[in-house]
Amino acid sequence: MNRLDLNHEHLAHHEDWVGNNVAFTCPLCDKVFVVSGSLHRGTRACPNCGESTGHVQGKSDSGGRAWLEWQPPLGS
């Protein structure tokens, strides 16, 4: 399982994190999707391929955590 932990002070161009809402880019299909701590209870699979899962716990400015997990394709 691959994992990418976000650092709210150093977000990549394809990431965003405001409060308890995080925008990820799926590393497998390139779909941008939002994970909300409130609406999605902190966990949401990629709505396009379902092969990655974004997580958020807490808020960006108060010690929260956000990360993306995915299984690499077979043969890679």
PDB file of N, CA and C in Angstrom:
ATOM      1  N   MET A   1       0.861  -1.182   0.000  1.00  0.00           N
ATOM      2  CA  MET A   1       0.000   0.000   0.000  1.00  0.00           C
ATOM      3  C   MET A   1       0.895   1.229   0.000  1.00  0.00           C
ATOM      4  N   ASN A   2       0.658   2.129  -0.922  1.00  0.00           N
ATOM      5  CA  ASN A   2       1.371   3.406  -0.967  1.00  0.00           C
ATOM      6  C   ASN A   2       0.599   4.428  -0.153  1.00  0.00           C
ATOM      7  N   ARG A   3       1.342   5.384   0.406  1.00  0.00           N
ATOM      8  CA  ARG A   3       0.717   6.416   1.233  1.00  0.00           C
ATOM      9  C   ARG A   3       1.430   7.745   0.996  1.00  0.00           C
ATOM     10  N   LEU A   4       0.614   8.787   0.868  1.00  0.00           N
ATOM     11  CA  LEU A   4       1.126  10.146   0.725  1.00  0.00           C
ATOM     12  C   LEU A   4       0.534  10.976   1.852  1.00  0.00           C
ATOM     13  N   ASP A   5       1.378  11.466   2.760  1.00  0.00           N
ATOM     14  CA  ASP A   5       0.935  12.331   3.851  1.00  0.00           C
ATOM     15  C   ASP A   5       1.074  13.782   3.427  1.00  0.00           C
ATOM     16  N   LEU A   6       0.020  14.577   3.634  1.00  0.00           N
ATOM     17  CA  LEU A   6       0.057  15.985   3.279  1.00  0.00           C
ATOM     18  C   LEU A   6       0.647  16.803   4.418  1.00  0.00           C
ATOM     19  N   ASN A   7       1.374  17.846   4.052  1.00  0.00           N
ATOM     20  CA  ASN A   7       1.898  18.819   4.993  1.00  0.00           C
ATOM     21  C   ASN A   7       1.199  20.134   4.669  1.00  0.00           C
ATOM     22  N   HIS A   8       0.337  20.614   5.557  1.00  0.00           N
ATOM     23  CA  HIS A   8      -0.469  21.793   5.236  1.00  0.00           C
ATOM     24  C   HIS A   8       0.368  23.044   4.991  1.00  0.00           C
ATOM     25  N   GLU A   9       1.614  23.049   5.429  1.00  0.00           N
ATOM     26  CA  GLU A   9       2.478  24.203   5.194  1.00  0.00           C
ATOM     27  C   GLU A   9       3.201  24.124   3.852  1.00  0.00           C
ATOM     28  N   HIS A  10       3.225  22.958   3.251  1.00  0.00           N
ATOM     29  CA  HIS A  10       3.930  22.759   1.981  1.00  0.00           C
ATOM     30  C   HIS A  10       3.098  21.873   1.049  1.00  0.00           C
ATOM     31  N   LEU A  11       1.973  22.377   0.584  1.00  0.00           N
ATOM     32  CA  LEU A  11       1.098  21.616  -0.301  1.00  0.00           C
ATOM     33  C   LEU A  11       1.624  21.657  -1.730  1.00  0.00           C
ATOM     34  N   ALA A  12       1.516  20.547  -2.404  1.00  0.00           N
ATOM     35  CA  ALA A  12       1.884  20.477  -3.817  1.00  0.00           C
ATOM     36  C   ALA A  12       0.836  21.221  -4.648  1.00  0.00           C
ATOM     37  N   HIS A  13       1.173  21.480  -5.887  1.00  0.00           N
ATOM     38  CA  HIS A  13       0.285  22.202  -6.805  1.00  0.00           C
ATOM     39  C   HIS A  13      -1.068  21.496  -6.964  1.00  0.00           C
ATOM     40  N   HIS A  14      -1.091  20.185  -6.871  1.00  0.00           N
ATOM     41  CA  HIS A  14      -2.308  19.396  -7.089  1.00  0.00           C
ATOM     42  C   HIS A  14      -3.011  19.011  -5.789  1.00  0.00           C
ATOM     43  N   GLU A  15      -2.697  19.691  -4.681  1.00  0.00           N
ATOM     44  CA  GLU A  15      -3.310  19.418  -3.381  1.00  0.00           C
ATOM     45  C   GLU A  15      -3.866  20.711  -2.793  1.00  0.00           C
ATOM     46  N   ASP A  16      -4.881  20.572  -1.931  1.00  0.00           N
ATOM     47  CA  ASP A  16      -5.383  21.719  -1.185  1.00  0.00           C
ATOM     48  C   ASP A  16      -5.983  21.209   0.112  1.00  0.00           C
ATOM     49  N   TRP A  17      -5.897  22.042   1.168  1.00  0.00           N
ATOM     50  CA  TRP A  17      -6.408  21.646   2.471  1.00  0.00           C
ATOM     51  C   TRP A  17      -6.849  22.898   3.208  1.00  0.00           C
ATOM     52  N   VAL A  18      -8.154  23.022   3.426  1.00  0.00           N
ATOM     53  CA  VAL A  18      -8.727  24.155   4.147  1.00  0.00           C
ATOM     54  C   VAL A  18      -9.645  23.592   5.218  1.00  0.00           C
ATOM     55  N   GLY A  19      -9.369  23.933   6.471  1.00  0.00           N
ATOM     56  CA  GLY A  19     -10.172  23.406   7.575  1.00  0.00           C
ATOM     57  C   GLY A  19     -10.102  21.897   7.581  1.00  0.00           C
ATOM     58  N   ASN A  20     -11.266  21.249   7.548  1.00  0.00           N
ATOM     59  CA  ASN A  20     -11.291  19.784   7.502  1.00  0.00           C
ATOM     60  C   ASN A  20     -11.687  19.266   6.117  1.00  0.00           C
ATOM     61  N   ASN A  21     -11.350  20.029   5.087  1.00  0.00           N
ATOM     62  CA  ASN A  21     -11.639  19.666   3.698  1.00  0.00           C
ATOM     63  C   ASN A  21     -10.335  19.588   2.911  1.00  0.00           C
ATOM     64  N   VAL A  22     -10.142  18.474   2.228  1.00  0.00           N
ATOM     65  CA  VAL A  22      -8.903  18.244   1.492  1.00  0.00           C
ATOM     66  C   VAL A  22      -9.238  17.872   0.050  1.00  0.00           C
ATOM     67  N   ALA A  23      -8.450  18.412  -0.886  1.00  0.00           N
ATOM     68  CA  ALA A  23      -8.560  18.029  -2.299  1.00  0.00           C
ATOM     69  C   ALA A  23      -7.327  17.211  -2.661  1.00  0.00           C
ATOM     70  N   PHE A  24      -7.559  16.021  -3.165  1.00  0.00           N
ATOM     71  CA  PHE A  24      -6.502  15.113  -3.601  1.00  0.00           C
ATOM     72  C   PHE A  24      -6.604  14.908  -5.105  1.00  0.00           C
ATOM     73  N   THR A  25      -5.512  14.489  -5.722  1.00  0.00           N
ATOM     74  CA  THR A  25      -5.525  14.015  -7.095  1.00  0.00           C
ATOM     75  C   THR A  25      -5.201  12.533  -7.049  1.00  0.00           C
ATOM     76  N   CYS A  26      -6.092  11.709  -7.566  1.00  0.00           N
ATOM     77  CA  CYS A  26      -5.883  10.263  -7.560  1.00  0.00           C
ATOM     78  C   CYS A  26      -4.615   9.939  -8.364  1.00  0.00           C
ATOM     79  N   PRO A  27      -3.676   9.204  -7.782  1.00  0.00           N
ATOM     80  CA  PRO A  27      -2.442   8.882  -8.499  1.00  0.00           C
ATOM     81  C   PRO A  27      -2.635   7.831  -9.590  1.00  0.00           C
ATOM     82  N   LEU A  28      -3.800   7.214  -9.635  1.00  0.00           N
ATOM     83  CA  LEU A  28      -4.048   6.158 -10.615  1.00  0.00           C
ATOM     84  C   LEU A  28      -4.858   6.633 -11.824  1.00  0.00           C
ATOM     85  N   CYS A  29      -5.793   7.571 -11.619  1.00  0.00           N
ATOM     86  CA  CYS A  29      -6.622   8.026 -12.751  1.00  0.00           C
ATOM     87  C   CYS A  29      -6.613   9.540 -12.935  1.00  0.00           C
ATOM     88  N   ASP A  30      -5.931  10.273 -12.086  1.00  0.00           N
ATOM     89  CA  ASP A  30      -5.795  11.735 -12.146  1.00  0.00           C
ATOM     90  C   ASP A  30      -7.075  12.513 -11.834  1.00  0.00           C
ATOM     91  N   LYS A  31      -8.088  11.878 -11.299  1.00  0.00           N
ATOM     92  CA  LYS A  31      -9.316  12.575 -10.898  1.00  0.00           C
ATOM     93  C   LYS A  31      -9.044  13.392  -9.636  1.00  0.00           C
ATOM     94  N   VAL A  32      -9.447  14.651  -9.627  1.00  0.00           N
ATOM     95  CA  VAL A  32      -9.374  15.476  -8.429  1.00  0.00           C
ATOM     96  C   VAL A  32     -10.655  15.237  -7.636  1.00  0.00           C
ATOM     97  N   PHE A  33     -10.499  14.954  -6.341  1.00  0.00           N
ATOM     98  CA  PHE A  33     -11.686  14.750  -5.504  1.00  0.00           C
ATOM     99  C   PHE A  33     -11.475  15.327  -4.114  1.00  0.00           C
ATOM    100  N   VAL A  34     -12.582  15.682  -3.475  1.00  0.00           N
ATOM    101  CA  VAL A  34     -12.574  16.323  -2.163  1.00  0.00           C
ATOM    102  C   VAL A  34     -12.962  15.307  -1.105  1.00  0.00           C
ATOM    103  N   VAL A  35     -12.275  15.391   0.029  1.00  0.00           N
ATOM    104  CA  VAL A  35     -12.642  14.609   1.212  1.00  0.00           C
ATOM    105  C   VAL A  35     -12.950  15.602   2.322  1.00  0.00           C
ATOM    106  N   SER A  36     -14.112  15.476   2.913  1.00  0.00           N
ATOM    107  CA  SER A  36     -14.548  16.366   3.982  1.00  0.00           C
ATOM    108  C   SER A  36     -14.618  15.591   5.293  1.00  0.00           C
ATOM    109  N   GLY A  37     -14.041  16.185   6.338  1.00  0.00           N
ATOM    110  CA  GLY A  37     -14.147  15.573   7.654  1.00  0.00           C
ATOM    111  C   GLY A  37     -15.591  15.490   8.116  1.00  0.00           C
ATOM    112  N   SER A  38     -16.412  16.466   7.715  1.00  0.00           N
ATOM    113  CA  SER A  38     -17.823  16.490   8.124  1.00  0.00           C
ATOM    114  C   SER A  38     -18.701  15.644   7.203  1.00  0.00           C
ATOM    115  N   LEU A  39     -18.670  15.940   5.909  1.00  0.00           N
ATOM    116  CA  LEU A  39     -19.570  15.275   4.968  1.00  0.00           C
ATOM    117  C   LEU A  39     -19.243  13.799   4.742  1.00  0.00           C
ATOM    118  N   HIS A  40     -17.948  13.474   4.679  1.00  0.00           N
ATOM    119  CA  HIS A  40     -17.530  12.099   4.370  1.00  0.00           C
ATOM    120  C   HIS A  40     -17.001  11.365   5.594  1.00  0.00           C
ATOM    121  N   ARG A  41     -17.148  11.983   6.744  1.00  0.00           N
ATOM    122  CA  ARG A  41     -16.628  11.424   7.998  1.00  0.00           C
ATOM    123  C   ARG A  41     -15.139  11.104   7.894  1.00  0.00           C
ATOM    124  N   GLY A  42     -14.449  11.897   7.076  1.00  0.00           N
ATOM    125  CA  GLY A  42     -13.006  11.822   7.005  1.00  0.00           C
ATOM    126  C   GLY A  42     -12.410  10.810   6.052  1.00  0.00           C
ATOM    127  N   THR A  43     -13.234  10.052   5.339  1.00  0.00           N
ATOM    128  CA  THR A  43     -12.708   9.033   4.422  1.00  0.00           C
ATOM    129  C   THR A  43     -13.569   8.979   3.169  1.00  0.00           C
ATOM    130  N   ARG A  44     -12.897   8.978   1.995  1.00  0.00           N
ATOM    131  CA  ARG A  44     -13.628   8.864   0.736  1.00  0.00           C
ATOM    132  C   ARG A  44     -12.738   8.235  -0.323  1.00  0.00           C
ATOM    133  N   ALA A  45     -13.295   7.279  -1.032  1.00  0.00           N
ATOM    134  CA  ALA A  45     -12.588   6.657  -2.158  1.00  0.00           C
ATOM    135  C   ALA A  45     -12.700   7.556  -3.383  1.00  0.00           C
ATOM    136  N   CYS A  46     -11.757   7.428  -4.290  1.00  0.00           N
ATOM    137  CA  CYS A  46     -11.807   8.167  -5.544  1.00  0.00           C
ATOM    138  C   CYS A  46     -13.146   7.867  -6.224  1.00  0.00           C
ATOM    139  N   PRO A  47     -13.923   8.893  -6.559  1.00  0.00           N
ATOM    140  CA  PRO A  47     -15.239   8.664  -7.162  1.00  0.00           C
ATOM    141  C   PRO A  47     -15.165   8.172  -8.608  1.00  0.00           C
ATOM    142  N   ASN A  48     -13.990   8.229  -9.226  1.00  0.00           N
ATOM    143  CA  ASN A  48     -13.843   7.772 -10.604  1.00  0.00           C
ATOM    144  C   ASN A  48     -13.451   6.295 -10.661  1.00  0.00           C
ATOM    145  N   CYS A  49     -12.330   5.952 -10.036  1.00  0.00           N
ATOM    146  CA  CYS A  49     -11.832   4.575 -10.145  1.00  0.00           C
ATOM    147  C   CYS A  49     -11.990   3.763  -8.862  1.00  0.00           C
ATOM    148  N   GLY A  50     -12.146   4.438  -7.733  1.00  0.00           N
ATOM    149  CA  GLY A  50     -12.304   3.743  -6.459  1.00  0.00           C
ATOM    150  C   GLY A  50     -11.038   3.060  -5.951  1.00  0.00           C
ATOM    151  N   GLU A  51      -9.907   3.312  -6.598  1.00  0.00           N
ATOM    152  CA  GLU A  51      -8.672   2.603  -6.272  1.00  0.00           C
ATOM    153  C   GLU A  51      -7.769   3.347  -5.295  1.00  0.00           C
ATOM    154  N   SER A  52      -8.092   4.583  -4.963  1.00  0.00           N
ATOM    155  CA  SER A  52      -7.354   5.306  -3.930  1.00  0.00           C
ATOM    156  C   SER A  52      -8.366   5.812  -2.912  1.00  0.00           C
ATOM    157  N   THR A  53      -7.878   6.090  -1.697  1.00  0.00           N
ATOM    158  CA  THR A  53      -8.752   6.570  -0.635  1.00  0.00           C
ATOM    159  C   THR A  53      -8.084   7.735   0.074  1.00  0.00           C
ATOM    160  N   GLY A  54      -8.806   8.840   0.171  1.00  0.00           N
ATOM    161  CA  GLY A  54      -8.325  10.010   0.888  1.00  0.00           C
ATOM    162  C   GLY A  54      -8.873  10.018   2.302  1.00  0.00           C
ATOM    163  N   HIS A  55      -8.063  10.539   3.212  1.00  0.00           N
ATOM    164  CA  HIS A  55      -8.431  10.603   4.628  1.00  0.00           C
ATOM    165  C   HIS A  55      -8.093  11.980   5.172  1.00  0.00           C
ATOM    166  N   VAL A  56      -8.923  12.476   6.089  1.00  0.00           N
ATOM    167  CA  VAL A  56      -8.629  13.706   6.814  1.00  0.00           C
ATOM    168  C   VAL A  56      -9.140  13.552   8.238  1.00  0.00           C
ATOM    169  N   GLN A  57      -8.298  13.952   9.180  1.00  0.00           N
ATOM    170  CA  GLN A  57      -8.664  13.950  10.598  1.00  0.00           C
ATOM    171  C   GLN A  57      -8.268  15.299  11.171  1.00  0.00           C
ATOM    172  N   GLY A  58      -9.220  16.052  11.657  1.00  0.00           N
ATOM    173  CA  GLY A  58      -8.934  17.366  12.210  1.00  0.00           C
ATOM    174  C   GLY A  58      -8.793  18.424  11.140  1.00  0.00           C
ATOM    175  N   LYS A  59      -8.281  19.575  11.563  1.00  0.00           N
ATOM    176  CA  LYS A  59      -8.174  20.728  10.664  1.00  0.00           C
ATOM    177  C   LYS A  59      -6.718  21.023  10.333  1.00  0.00           C
ATOM    178  N   SER A  60      -6.537  21.658   9.187  1.00  0.00           N
ATOM    179  CA  SER A  60      -5.186  21.950   8.698  1.00  0.00           C
ATOM    180  C   SER A  60      -4.398  22.850   9.649  1.00  0.00           C
ATOM    181  N   ASP A  61      -5.064  23.787  10.295  1.00  0.00           N
ATOM    182  CA  ASP A  61      -4.362  24.769  11.124  1.00  0.00           C
ATOM    183  C   ASP A  61      -4.326  24.414  12.602  1.00  0.00           C
ATOM    184  N   SER A  62      -4.761  23.200  12.948  1.00  0.00           N
ATOM    185  CA  SER A  62      -4.762  22.830  14.367  1.00  0.00           C
ATOM    186  C   SER A  62      -4.295  21.388  14.587  1.00  0.00           C
ATOM    187  N   GLY A  63      -3.233  21.018  13.896  1.00  0.00           N
ATOM    188  CA  GLY A  63      -2.637  19.708  14.137  1.00  0.00           C
ATOM    189  C   GLY A  63      -3.324  18.538  13.467  1.00  0.00           C
ATOM    190  N   GLY A  64      -4.169  18.794  12.474  1.00  0.00           N
ATOM    191  CA  GLY A  64      -4.857  17.709  11.782  1.00  0.00           C
ATOM    192  C   GLY A  64      -3.909  16.901  10.910  1.00  0.00           C
ATOM    193  N   ARG A  65      -4.453  15.792  10.394  1.00  0.00           N
ATOM    194  CA  ARG A  65      -3.691  14.926   9.493  1.00  0.00           C
ATOM    195  C   ARG A  65      -4.520  14.655   8.253  1.00  0.00           C
ATOM    196  N   ALA A  66      -3.854  14.562   7.116  1.00  0.00           N
ATOM    197  CA  ALA A  66      -4.526  14.209   5.859  1.00  0.00           C
ATOM    198  C   ALA A  66      -3.568  13.344   5.061  1.00  0.00           C
ATOM    199  N   TRP A  67      -4.110  12.278   4.456  1.00  0.00           N
ATOM    200  CA  TRP A  67      -3.267  11.377   3.680  1.00  0.00           C
ATOM    201  C   TRP A  67      -4.076  10.651   2.619  1.00  0.00           C
ATOM    202  N   LEU A  68      -3.366  10.160   1.629  1.00  0.00           N
ATOM    203  CA  LEU A  68      -3.947   9.429   0.511  1.00  0.00           C
ATOM    204  C   LEU A  68      -3.286   8.061   0.458  1.00  0.00           C
ATOM    205  N   GLU A  69      -4.084   7.015   0.288  1.00  0.00           N
ATOM    206  CA  GLU A  69      -3.570   5.644   0.193  1.00  0.00           C
ATOM    207  C   GLU A  69      -4.052   5.006  -1.113  1.00  0.00           C
ATOM    208  N   TRP A  70      -3.193   4.160  -1.714  1.00  0.00           N
ATOM    209  CA  TRP A  70      -3.576   3.443  -2.910  1.00  0.00           C
ATOM    210  C   TRP A  70      -2.708   2.218  -3.078  1.00  0.00           C
ATOM    211  N   GLN A  71      -3.255   1.258  -3.762  1.00  0.00           N
ATOM    212  CA  GLN A  71      -2.531   0.035  -4.106  1.00  0.00           C
ATOM    213  C   GLN A  71      -1.925   0.223  -5.487  1.00  0.00           C
ATOM    214  N   PRO A  72      -0.616   0.035  -5.632  1.00  0.00           N
ATOM    215  CA  PRO A  72      -0.039   0.178  -6.972  1.00  0.00           C
ATOM    216  C   PRO A  72      -0.582  -0.882  -7.908  1.00  0.00           C
ATOM    217  N   PRO A  73      -0.714  -0.560  -9.181  1.00  0.00           N
ATOM    218  CA  PRO A  73      -1.203  -1.558 -10.157  1.00  0.00           C
ATOM    219  C   PRO A  73      -0.281  -2.775 -10.177  1.00  0.00           C
ATOM    220  N   LEU A  74      -0.852  -3.923 -10.440  1.00  0.00           N
ATOM    221  CA  LEU A  74      -0.056  -5.152 -10.540  1.00  0.00           C
ATOM    222  C   LEU A  74       0.984  -5.007 -11.648  1.00  0.00           C
ATOM    223  N   GLY A  75       2.170  -5.507 -11.390  1.00  0.00           N
ATOM    224  CA  GLY A  75       3.227  -5.458 -12.385  1.00  0.00           C
ATOM    225  C   GLY A  75       4.040  -4.197 -12.377  1.00  0.00           C
ATOM    226  N   SER A  76       3.748  -3.268 -11.421  1.00  0.00           N
ATOM    227  CA  SER A  76       4.555  -2.045 -11.394  1.00  0.00           C
ATOM    228  C   SER A  76       5.504  -2.040 -10.218  1.00  0.00           C
TER     229      SER A  76
END
